[in-house]
PDB file of all heavy atoms in Angstrom:
ATOM      1  N   ASP A   1      43.504   9.259  42.739  1.00  0.00           N
ATOM      2  CA  ASP A   1      43.803   9.119  44.166  1.00  0.00           C
ATOM      3  C   ASP A   1      42.550   8.798  44.967  1.00  0.00           C
ATOM      4  O   ASP A   1      42.632   8.232  46.065  1.00  0.00           O
ATOM      5  CB  ASP A   1      44.432  10.404  44.710  1.00  0.00           C
ATOM      6  CG  ASP A   1      45.904  10.535  44.338  1.00  0.00           C
ATOM      7  OD1 ASP A   1      46.472   9.551  43.831  1.00  0.00           O
ATOM      8  OD2 ASP A   1      46.467  11.631  44.547  1.00  0.00           O
ATOM      9  N   GLN A   2      41.381   9.150  44.420  1.00  0.00           N
ATOM     10  CA  GLN A   2      40.117   8.869  45.083  1.00  0.00           C
ATOM     11  C   GLN A   2      39.522   7.515  44.673  1.00  0.00           C
ATOM     12  O   GLN A   2      38.410   7.178  45.050  1.00  0.00           O
ATOM     13  CB  GLN A   2      39.104   9.983  44.778  1.00  0.00           C
ATOM     14  CG  GLN A   2      39.524  11.350  45.238  1.00  0.00           C
ATOM     15  CD  GLN A   2      39.802  11.417  46.729  1.00  0.00           C
ATOM     16  OE1 GLN A   2      39.036  10.849  47.523  1.00  0.00           O
ATOM     17  NE2 GLN A   2      40.874  12.101  47.105  1.00  0.00           N
ATOM     18  N   GLY A   3      40.292   6.765  43.891  1.00  0.00           N
ATOM     19  CA  GLY A   3      39.839   5.441  43.487  1.00  0.00           C
ATOM     20  C   GLY A   3      38.881   5.430  42.319  1.00  0.00           C
ATOM     21  O   GLY A   3      38.272   4.394  42.015  1.00  0.00           O
ATOM     22  N   VAL A   4      38.743   6.574  41.649  1.00  0.00           N
ATOM     23  CA  VAL A   4      37.865   6.668  40.479  1.00  0.00           C
ATOM     24  C   VAL A   4      38.681   6.371  39.232  1.00  0.00           C
ATOM     25  O   VAL A   4      39.721   6.986  39.007  1.00  0.00           O
ATOM     26  CB  VAL A   4      37.219   8.067  40.379  1.00  0.00           C
ATOM     27  CG1 VAL A   4      36.335   8.155  39.132  1.00  0.00           C
ATOM     28  CG2 VAL A   4      36.403   8.365  41.632  1.00  0.00           C
ATOM     29  N   LYS A   5      38.219   5.446  38.425  1.00  0.00           N
ATOM     30  CA  LYS A   5      38.953   5.033  37.236  1.00  0.00           C
ATOM     31  C   LYS A   5      38.581   5.905  36.050  1.00  0.00           C
ATOM     32  O   LYS A   5      37.403   6.078  35.737  1.00  0.00           O
ATOM     33  CB  LYS A   5      38.656   3.566  36.912  1.00  0.00           C
ATOM     34  CG  LYS A   5      39.488   3.006  35.775  1.00  0.00           C
ATOM     35  CD  LYS A   5      39.207   1.528  35.568  1.00  0.00           C
ATOM     36  CE  LYS A   5      40.054   0.970  34.434  1.00  0.00           C
ATOM     37  NZ  LYS A   5      39.775  -0.486  34.218  1.00  0.00           N
ATOM     38  N   LEU A   6      39.601   6.452  35.390  1.00  0.00           N
ATOM     39  CA  LEU A   6      39.400   7.216  34.159  1.00  0.00           C
ATOM     40  C   LEU A   6      40.169   6.538  33.033  1.00  0.00           C
ATOM     41  O   LEU A   6      41.331   6.171  33.211  1.00  0.00           O
ATOM     42  CB  LEU A   6      39.896   8.661  34.306  1.00  0.00           C
ATOM     43  CG  LEU A   6      38.978   9.677  34.955  1.00  0.00           C
ATOM     44  CD1 LEU A   6      39.598  11.069  34.857  1.00  0.00           C
ATOM     45  CD2 LEU A   6      37.615   9.696  34.323  1.00  0.00           C
ATOM     46  N   PRO A   7      39.562   6.373  31.868  1.00  0.00           N
ATOM     47  CA  PRO A   7      40.273   5.737  30.748  1.00  0.00           C
ATOM     48  C   PRO A   7      41.318   6.674  30.154  1.00  0.00           C
ATOM     49  O   PRO A   7      41.103   7.877  30.051  1.00  0.00           O
ATOM     50  CB  PRO A   7      39.154   5.444  29.746  1.00  0.00           C
ATOM     51  CG  PRO A   7      38.118   6.485  30.025  1.00  0.00           C
ATOM     52  CD  PRO A   7      38.167   6.725  31.509  1.00  0.00           C
ATOM     53  N   THR A   8      42.463   6.121  29.791  1.00  0.00           N
ATOM     54  CA  THR A   8      43.507   6.873  29.089  1.00  0.00           C
ATOM     55  C   THR A   8      44.211   5.924  28.128  1.00  0.00           C
ATOM     56  O   THR A   8      44.243   4.713  28.337  1.00  0.00           O
ATOM     57  CB  THR A   8      44.563   7.446  30.055  1.00  0.00           C
ATOM     58  OG1 THR A   8      45.158   6.384  30.805  1.00  0.00           O
ATOM     59  CG2 THR A   8      43.956   8.458  31.012  1.00  0.00           C
ATOM     60  N   LEU A   9      44.787   6.499  27.075  1.00  0.00           N
ATOM     61  CA  LEU A   9      45.641   5.736  26.167  1.00  0.00           C
ATOM     62  C   LEU A   9      47.004   6.395  25.996  1.00  0.00           C
ATOM     63  O   LEU A   9      48.029   5.730  26.005  1.00  0.00           O
ATOM     64  CB  LEU A   9      44.966   5.570  24.800  1.00  0.00           C
ATOM     65  CG  LEU A   9      43.915   4.468  24.696  1.00  0.00           C
ATOM     66  CD1 LEU A   9      43.222   4.502  23.342  1.00  0.00           C
ATOM     67  CD2 LEU A   9      44.538   3.093  24.927  1.00  0.00           C
ATOM     68  N   CYS A  10      47.017   7.720  25.840  1.00  0.00           N
ATOM     69  CA  CYS A  10      48.305   8.394  25.640  1.00  0.00           C
ATOM     70  C   CYS A  10      49.032   8.609  26.955  1.00  0.00           C
ATOM     71  O   CYS A  10      50.260   8.690  26.982  1.00  0.00           O
ATOM     72  CB  CYS A  10      48.118   9.721  24.908  1.00  0.00           C
ATOM     73  SG  CYS A  10      47.219  10.989  25.831  1.00  0.00           S
ATOM     74  N   HIS A  11      48.303   8.687  28.069  1.00  0.00           N
ATOM     75  CA  HIS A  11      48.923   8.974  29.360  1.00  0.00           C
ATOM     76  C   HIS A  11      49.564   7.727  29.949  1.00  0.00           C
ATOM     77  O   HIS A  11      49.034   6.618  29.832  1.00  0.00           O
ATOM     78  CB  HIS A  11      47.885   9.503  30.350  1.00  0.00           C
ATOM     79  CG  HIS A  11      48.454   9.805  31.697  1.00  0.00           C
ATOM     80  ND1 HIS A  11      49.117  10.983  31.972  1.00  0.00           N
ATOM     81  CD2 HIS A  11      48.496   9.077  32.841  1.00  0.00           C
ATOM     82  CE1 HIS A  11      49.526  10.972  33.224  1.00  0.00           C
ATOM     83  NE2 HIS A  11      49.170   9.824  33.769  1.00  0.00           N
ATOM     84  N   LEU A  12      50.717   7.921  30.586  1.00  0.00           N
ATOM     85  CA  LEU A  12      51.382   6.845  31.316  1.00  0.00           C
ATOM     86  C   LEU A  12      52.212   7.482  32.416  1.00  0.00           C
ATOM     87  O   LEU A  12      53.026   8.376  32.152  1.00  0.00           O
ATOM     88  CB  LEU A  12      52.282   6.029  30.376  1.00  0.00           C
ATOM     89  CG  LEU A  12      52.654   4.608  30.822  1.00  0.00           C
ATOM     90  CD1 LEU A  12      51.413   3.740  31.028  1.00  0.00           C
ATOM     91  CD2 LEU A  12      53.579   3.955  29.813  1.00  0.00           C
ATOM     92  N   ASP A  13      52.001   7.040  33.659  1.00  0.00           N
ATOM     93  CA  ASP A  13      52.762   7.586  34.777  1.00  0.00           C
ATOM     94  C   ASP A  13      54.254   7.405  34.533  1.00  0.00           C
ATOM     95  O   ASP A  13      54.710   6.304  34.198  1.00  0.00           O
ATOM     96  CB  ASP A  13      52.365   6.881  36.080  1.00  0.00           C
ATOM     97  CG  ASP A  13      50.974   7.270  36.545  1.00  0.00           C
ATOM     98  OD1 ASP A  13      50.473   8.314  36.101  1.00  0.00           O
ATOM     99  OD2 ASP A  13      50.386   6.519  37.348  1.00  0.00           O
ATOM    100  N   GLY A  14      55.008   8.471  34.715  1.00  0.00           N
ATOM    101  CA  GLY A  14      56.441   8.431  34.484  1.00  0.00           C
ATOM    102  C   GLY A  14      56.855   9.122  33.207  1.00  0.00           C
ATOM    103  O   GLY A  14      58.035   9.373  32.991  1.00  0.00           O
ATOM    104  N   LEU A  15      55.874   9.431  32.338  1.00  0.00           N
ATOM    105  CA  LEU A  15      56.146  10.155  31.099  1.00  0.00           C
ATOM    106  C   LEU A  15      55.473  11.518  31.153  1.00  0.00           C
ATOM    107  O   LEU A  15      54.531  11.737  31.918  1.00  0.00           O
ATOM    108  CB  LEU A  15      55.619   9.376  29.894  1.00  0.00           C
ATOM    109  CG  LEU A  15      56.211   7.991  29.633  1.00  0.00           C
ATOM    110  CD1 LEU A  15      55.573   7.390  28.384  1.00  0.00           C
ATOM    111  CD2 LEU A  15      57.720   8.045  29.497  1.00  0.00           C
ATOM    112  N   SER A  16      55.933  12.438  30.325  1.00  0.00           N
ATOM    113  CA  SER A  16      55.307  13.755  30.248  1.00  0.00           C
ATOM    114  C   SER A  16      53.874  13.618  29.757  1.00  0.00           C
ATOM    115  O   SER A  16      53.508  12.643  29.097  1.00  0.00           O
ATOM    116  CB  SER A  16      56.096  14.664  29.309  1.00  0.00           C
ATOM    117  OG  SER A  16      56.126  14.119  28.001  1.00  0.00           O
ATOM    118  N   THR A  17      53.068  14.601  30.087  1.00  0.00           N
ATOM    119  CA  THR A  17      51.661  14.580  29.717  1.00  0.00           C
ATOM    120  C   THR A  17      51.467  15.138  28.318  1.00  0.00           C
ATOM    121  O   THR A  17      52.048  16.159  27.962  1.00  0.00           O
ATOM    122  CB  THR A  17      50.840  15.409  30.721  1.00  0.00           C
ATOM    123  OG1 THR A  17      51.001  14.841  32.026  1.00  0.00           O
ATOM    124  CG2 THR A  17      49.375  15.399  30.352  1.00  0.00           C
ATOM    125  N   ARG A  18      50.626  14.455  27.515  1.00  0.00           N
ATOM    126  CA  ARG A  18      50.400  14.898  26.139  1.00  0.00           C
ATOM    127  C   ARG A  18      48.972  15.376  25.912  1.00  0.00           C
ATOM    128  O   ARG A  18      48.728  16.323  25.191  1.00  0.00           O
ATOM    129  CB  ARG A  18      50.723  13.769  25.165  1.00  0.00           C
ATOM    130  CG  ARG A  18      50.464  14.145  23.708  1.00  0.00           C
ATOM    131  CD  ARG A  18      51.065  13.160  22.748  1.00  0.00           C
ATOM    132  NE  ARG A  18      50.775  13.565  21.372  1.00  0.00           N
ATOM    133  CZ  ARG A  18      49.791  13.078  20.636  1.00  0.00           C
ATOM    134  NH1 ARG A  18      48.998  12.141  21.131  1.00  0.00           N
ATOM    135  NH2 ARG A  18      49.585  13.499  19.417  1.00  0.00           N
ATOM    136  N   GLY A  19      47.990  14.711  26.481  1.00  0.00           N
ATOM    137  CA  GLY A  19      46.589  15.103  26.296  1.00  0.00           C
ATOM    138  C   GLY A  19      46.082  14.851  24.897  1.00  0.00           C
ATOM    139  O   GLY A  19      45.249  15.603  24.397  1.00  0.00           O
ATOM    140  N   GLY A  20      46.575  13.801  24.250  1.00  0.00           N
ATOM    141  CA  GLY A  20      46.225  13.547  22.859  1.00  0.00           C
ATOM    142  C   GLY A  20      45.015  12.671  22.640  1.00  0.00           C
ATOM    143  O   GLY A  20      44.237  12.906  21.722  1.00  0.00           O
ATOM    144  N   CYS A  21      44.825  11.652  23.470  1.00  0.00           N
ATOM    145  CA  CYS A  21      43.742  10.687  23.197  1.00  0.00           C
ATOM    146  C   CYS A  21      42.370  11.230  23.582  1.00  0.00           C
ATOM    147  O   CYS A  21      41.355  10.769  23.052  1.00  0.00           O
ATOM    148  CB  CYS A  21      44.021   9.367  23.904  1.00  0.00           C
ATOM    149  SG  CYS A  21      43.816   9.392  25.709  1.00  0.00           S
ATOM    150  N   ARG A  22      42.312  12.137  24.533  1.00  0.00           N
ATOM    151  CA  ARG A  22      41.083  12.808  24.997  1.00  0.00           C
ATOM    152  C   ARG A  22      40.094  11.865  25.673  1.00  0.00           C
ATOM    153  O   ARG A  22      38.932  12.221  25.892  1.00  0.00           O
ATOM    154  CB  ARG A  22      40.355  13.533  23.849  1.00  0.00           C
ATOM    155  CG  ARG A  22      41.223  14.324  22.927  1.00  0.00           C
ATOM    156  CD  ARG A  22      42.097  15.316  23.643  1.00  0.00           C
ATOM    157  NE  ARG A  22      41.462  16.602  23.869  1.00  0.00           N
ATOM    158  CZ  ARG A  22      42.085  17.673  24.352  1.00  0.00           C
ATOM    159  NH1 ARG A  22      43.372  17.566  24.676  1.00  0.00           N
ATOM    160  NH2 ARG A  22      41.469  18.813  24.533  1.00  0.00           N
ATOM    161  N   LEU A  23      40.508  10.684  26.049  1.00  0.00           N
ATOM    162  CA  LEU A  23      39.587   9.752  26.698  1.00  0.00           C
ATOM    163  C   LEU A  23      39.329  10.099  28.159  1.00  0.00           C
ATOM    164  O   LEU A  23      38.361   9.616  28.747  1.00  0.00           O
ATOM    165  CB  LEU A  23      40.132   8.324  26.592  1.00  0.00           C
ATOM    166  CG  LEU A  23      40.033   7.697  25.208  1.00  0.00           C
ATOM    167  CD1 LEU A  23      40.811   6.390  25.156  1.00  0.00           C
ATOM    168  CD2 LEU A  23      38.575   7.448  24.835  1.00  0.00           C
ATOM    169  N   CYS A  24      40.186  10.920  28.754  1.00  0.00           N
ATOM    170  CA  CYS A  24      39.995  11.287  30.157  1.00  0.00           C
ATOM    171  C   CYS A  24      39.175  12.576  30.295  1.00  0.00           C
ATOM    172  O   CYS A  24      39.258  13.256  31.323  1.00  0.00           O
ATOM    173  CB  CYS A  24      41.336  11.424  30.865  1.00  0.00           C
ATOM    174  SG  CYS A  24      42.392  12.763  30.241  1.00  0.00           S
ATOM    175  N   LEU A  25      38.397  12.899  29.272  1.00  0.00           N
ATOM    176  CA  LEU A  25      37.548  14.093  29.334  1.00  0.00           C
ATOM    177  C   LEU A  25      36.620  14.054  30.552  1.00  0.00           C
ATOM    178  O   LEU A  25      36.035  13.020  30.871  1.00  0.00           O
ATOM    179  CB  LEU A  25      36.697  14.205  28.068  1.00  0.00           C
ATOM    180  CG  LEU A  25      37.415  14.572  26.762  1.00  0.00           C
ATOM    181  CD1 LEU A  25      36.448  14.467  25.593  1.00  0.00           C
ATOM    182  CD2 LEU A  25      38.016  15.959  26.838  1.00  0.00           C
ATOM    183  N   VAL A  26      36.500  15.197  31.225  1.00  0.00           N
ATOM    184  CA  VAL A  26      35.592  15.323  32.366  1.00  0.00           C
ATOM    185  C   VAL A  26      34.804  16.620  32.240  1.00  0.00           C
ATOM    186  O   VAL A  26      35.181  17.526  31.498  1.00  0.00           O
ATOM    187  CB  VAL A  26      36.363  15.308  33.711  1.00  0.00           C
ATOM    188  CG1 VAL A  26      37.011  13.951  33.952  1.00  0.00           C
ATOM    189  CG2 VAL A  26      37.401  16.422  33.759  1.00  0.00           C
ATOM    190  N   GLU A  27      33.731  16.685  32.986  1.00  0.00           N
ATOM    191  CA  GLU A  27      32.876  17.876  33.003  1.00  0.00           C
ATOM    192  C   GLU A  27      33.252  18.711  34.219  1.00  0.00           C
ATOM    193  O   GLU A  27      33.297  18.202  35.339  1.00  0.00           O
ATOM    194  CB  GLU A  27      31.407  17.442  33.074  1.00  0.00           C
ATOM    195  CG  GLU A  27      30.411  18.478  32.620  1.00  0.00           C
ATOM    196  CD  GLU A  27      29.003  17.899  32.528  1.00  0.00           C
ATOM    197  OE1 GLU A  27      28.367  17.714  33.591  1.00  0.00           O
ATOM    198  OE2 GLU A  27      28.559  17.602  31.402  1.00  0.00           O
ATOM    199  N   ILE A  28      33.540  19.985  33.998  1.00  0.00           N
ATOM    200  CA  ILE A  28      33.943  20.876  35.077  1.00  0.00           C
ATOM    201  C   ILE A  28      32.967  22.034  35.166  1.00  0.00           C
ATOM    202  O   ILE A  28      32.645  22.675  34.152  1.00  0.00           O
ATOM    203  CB  ILE A  28      35.374  21.403  34.844  1.00  0.00           C
ATOM    204  CG1 ILE A  28      36.369  20.235  34.842  1.00  0.00           C
ATOM    205  CG2 ILE A  28      35.756  22.434  35.907  1.00  0.00           C
ATOM    206  CD1 ILE A  28      37.791  20.637  34.547  1.00  0.00           C
ATOM    207  N   GLY A  29      32.487  22.289  36.354  1.00  0.00           N
ATOM    208  CA  GLY A  29      31.534  23.364  36.558  1.00  0.00           C
ATOM    209  C   GLY A  29      32.056  24.699  36.068  1.00  0.00           C
ATOM    210  O   GLY A  29      33.172  25.088  36.407  1.00  0.00           O
ATOM    211  N   GLY A  30      31.256  25.395  35.274  1.00  0.00           N
ATOM    212  CA  GLY A  30      31.643  26.684  34.736  1.00  0.00           C
ATOM    213  C   GLY A  30      32.326  26.623  33.387  1.00  0.00           C
ATOM    214  O   GLY A  30      32.515  27.653  32.740  1.00  0.00           O
ATOM    215  N   SER A  31      32.722  25.441  32.948  1.00  0.00           N
ATOM    216  CA  SER A  31      33.375  25.298  31.638  1.00  0.00           C
ATOM    217  C   SER A  31      32.338  24.901  30.590  1.00  0.00           C
ATOM    218  O   SER A  31      31.549  23.966  30.810  1.00  0.00           O
ATOM    219  CB  SER A  31      34.472  24.239  31.686  1.00  0.00           C
ATOM    220  OG  SER A  31      34.996  24.002  30.391  1.00  0.00           O
ATOM    221  N   PRO A  32      32.315  25.569  29.435  1.00  0.00           N
ATOM    222  CA  PRO A  32      31.334  25.241  28.398  1.00  0.00           C
ATOM    223  C   PRO A  32      31.665  23.964  27.636  1.00  0.00           C
ATOM    224  O   PRO A  32      30.869  23.497  26.817  1.00  0.00           O
ATOM    225  CB  PRO A  32      31.393  26.455  27.465  1.00  0.00           C
ATOM    226  CG  PRO A  32      32.805  26.954  27.615  1.00  0.00           C
ATOM    227  CD  PRO A  32      33.172  26.704  29.041  1.00  0.00           C
ATOM    228  N   ARG A  33      32.835  23.394  27.862  1.00  0.00           N
ATOM    229  CA  ARG A  33      33.239  22.197  27.131  1.00  0.00           C
ATOM    230  C   ARG A  33      33.907  21.199  28.065  1.00  0.00           C
ATOM    231  O   ARG A  33      34.353  21.554  29.164  1.00  0.00           O
ATOM    232  CB  ARG A  33      34.192  22.559  25.997  1.00  0.00           C
ATOM    233  CG  ARG A  33      35.422  23.324  26.428  1.00  0.00           C
ATOM    234  CD  ARG A  33      36.153  23.932  25.250  1.00  0.00           C
ATOM    235  NE  ARG A  33      37.287  24.756  25.663  1.00  0.00           N
ATOM    236  CZ  ARG A  33      38.523  24.331  25.844  1.00  0.00           C
ATOM    237  NH1 ARG A  33      38.795  23.052  25.640  1.00  0.00           N
ATOM    238  NH2 ARG A  33      39.490  25.152  26.201  1.00  0.00           N
ATOM    239  N   LEU A  34      33.965  19.960  27.631  1.00  0.00           N
ATOM    240  CA  LEU A  34      34.655  18.928  28.385  1.00  0.00           C
ATOM    241  C   LEU A  34      36.162  19.166  28.298  1.00  0.00           C
ATOM    242  O   LEU A  34      36.672  19.601  27.268  1.00  0.00           O
ATOM    243  CB  LEU A  34      34.307  17.545  27.841  1.00  0.00           C
ATOM    244  CG  LEU A  34      32.820  17.154  27.849  1.00  0.00           C
ATOM    245  CD1 LEU A  34      32.640  15.765  27.243  1.00  0.00           C
ATOM    246  CD2 LEU A  34      32.266  17.194  29.258  1.00  0.00           C
ATOM    247  N   LEU A  35      36.883  18.875  29.382  1.00  0.00           N
ATOM    248  CA  LEU A  35      38.323  19.107  29.429  1.00  0.00           C
ATOM    249  C   LEU A  35      39.057  17.821  29.771  1.00  0.00           C
ATOM    250  O   LEU A  35      38.556  17.006  30.549  1.00  0.00           O
ATOM    251  CB  LEU A  35      38.654  20.176  30.475  1.00  0.00           C
ATOM    252  CG  LEU A  35      38.103  21.586  30.222  1.00  0.00           C
ATOM    253  CD1 LEU A  35      38.411  22.487  31.411  1.00  0.00           C
ATOM    254  CD2 LEU A  35      38.689  22.173  28.952  1.00  0.00           C
ATOM    255  N   PRO A  36      40.266  17.629  29.206  1.00  0.00           N
ATOM    256  CA  PRO A  36      41.049  16.440  29.544  1.00  0.00           C
ATOM    257  C   PRO A  36      41.615  16.554  30.957  1.00  0.00           C
ATOM    258  O   PRO A  36      42.268  17.548  31.290  1.00  0.00           O
ATOM    259  CB  PRO A  36      42.159  16.440  28.491  1.00  0.00           C
ATOM    260  CG  PRO A  36      42.284  17.875  28.079  1.00  0.00           C
ATOM    261  CD  PRO A  36      40.913  18.469  28.177  1.00  0.00           C
ATOM    262  N   ALA A  37      41.380  15.556  31.763  1.00  0.00           N
ATOM    263  CA  ALA A  37      41.813  15.603  33.158  1.00  0.00           C
ATOM    264  C   ALA A  37      43.326  15.587  33.295  1.00  0.00           C
ATOM    265  O   ALA A  37      43.871  16.135  34.252  1.00  0.00           O
ATOM    266  CB  ALA A  37      41.203  14.430  33.925  1.00  0.00           C
ATOM    267  N   CYS A  38      44.031  14.976  32.329  1.00  0.00           N
ATOM    268  CA  CYS A  38      45.484  14.837  32.457  1.00  0.00           C
ATOM    269  C   CYS A  38      46.219  16.162  32.314  1.00  0.00           C
ATOM    270  O   CYS A  38      47.290  16.346  32.889  1.00  0.00           O
ATOM    271  CB  CYS A  38      46.012  13.821  31.448  1.00  0.00           C
ATOM    272  SG  CYS A  38      45.793  14.303  29.715  1.00  0.00           S
ATOM    273  N   THR A  39      45.664  17.103  31.570  1.00  0.00           N
ATOM    274  CA  THR A  39      46.333  18.389  31.347  1.00  0.00           C
ATOM    275  C   THR A  39      45.657  19.536  32.091  1.00  0.00           C
ATOM    276  O   THR A  39      46.002  20.696  31.879  1.00  0.00           O
ATOM    277  CB  THR A  39      46.382  18.735  29.846  1.00  0.00           C
ATOM    278  OG1 THR A  39      45.055  18.776  29.322  1.00  0.00           O
ATOM    279  CG2 THR A  39      47.194  17.700  29.076  1.00  0.00           C
ATOM    280  N   THR A  40      44.693  19.222  32.933  1.00  0.00           N
ATOM    281  CA  THR A  40      43.975  20.240  33.697  1.00  0.00           C
ATOM    282  C   THR A  40      44.404  20.176  35.158  1.00  0.00           C
ATOM    283  O   THR A  40      44.387  19.105  35.765  1.00  0.00           O
ATOM    284  CB  THR A  40      42.450  20.024  33.601  1.00  0.00           C
ATOM    285  OG1 THR A  40      42.047  20.047  32.229  1.00  0.00           O
ATOM    286  CG2 THR A  40      41.699  21.102  34.362  1.00  0.00           C
ATOM    287  N   GLU A  41      44.819  21.293  35.692  1.00  0.00           N
ATOM    288  CA  GLU A  41      45.268  21.323  37.096  1.00  0.00           C
ATOM    289  C   GLU A  41      44.077  21.353  38.034  1.00  0.00           C
ATOM    290  O   GLU A  41      43.092  22.056  37.807  1.00  0.00           O
ATOM    291  CB  GLU A  41      46.150  22.549  37.341  1.00  0.00           C
ATOM    292  CG  GLU A  41      46.730  22.602  38.746  1.00  0.00           C
ATOM    293  CD  GLU A  41      47.650  23.784  38.959  1.00  0.00           C
ATOM    294  OE1 GLU A  41      48.083  24.384  37.946  1.00  0.00           O
ATOM    295  OE2 GLU A  41      47.930  24.119  40.132  1.00  0.00           O
TER     296      GLU A  41
END
């Protein structure tokens, strides 16, 4: 929504979220590991 492009392969708008390809990994403050943006609220 902020115009930032994130790569995905398993995700597609209109389908349930799977979080399988892991290409949308992002760094979140306080987390010791990268997390998939599609399955993270």
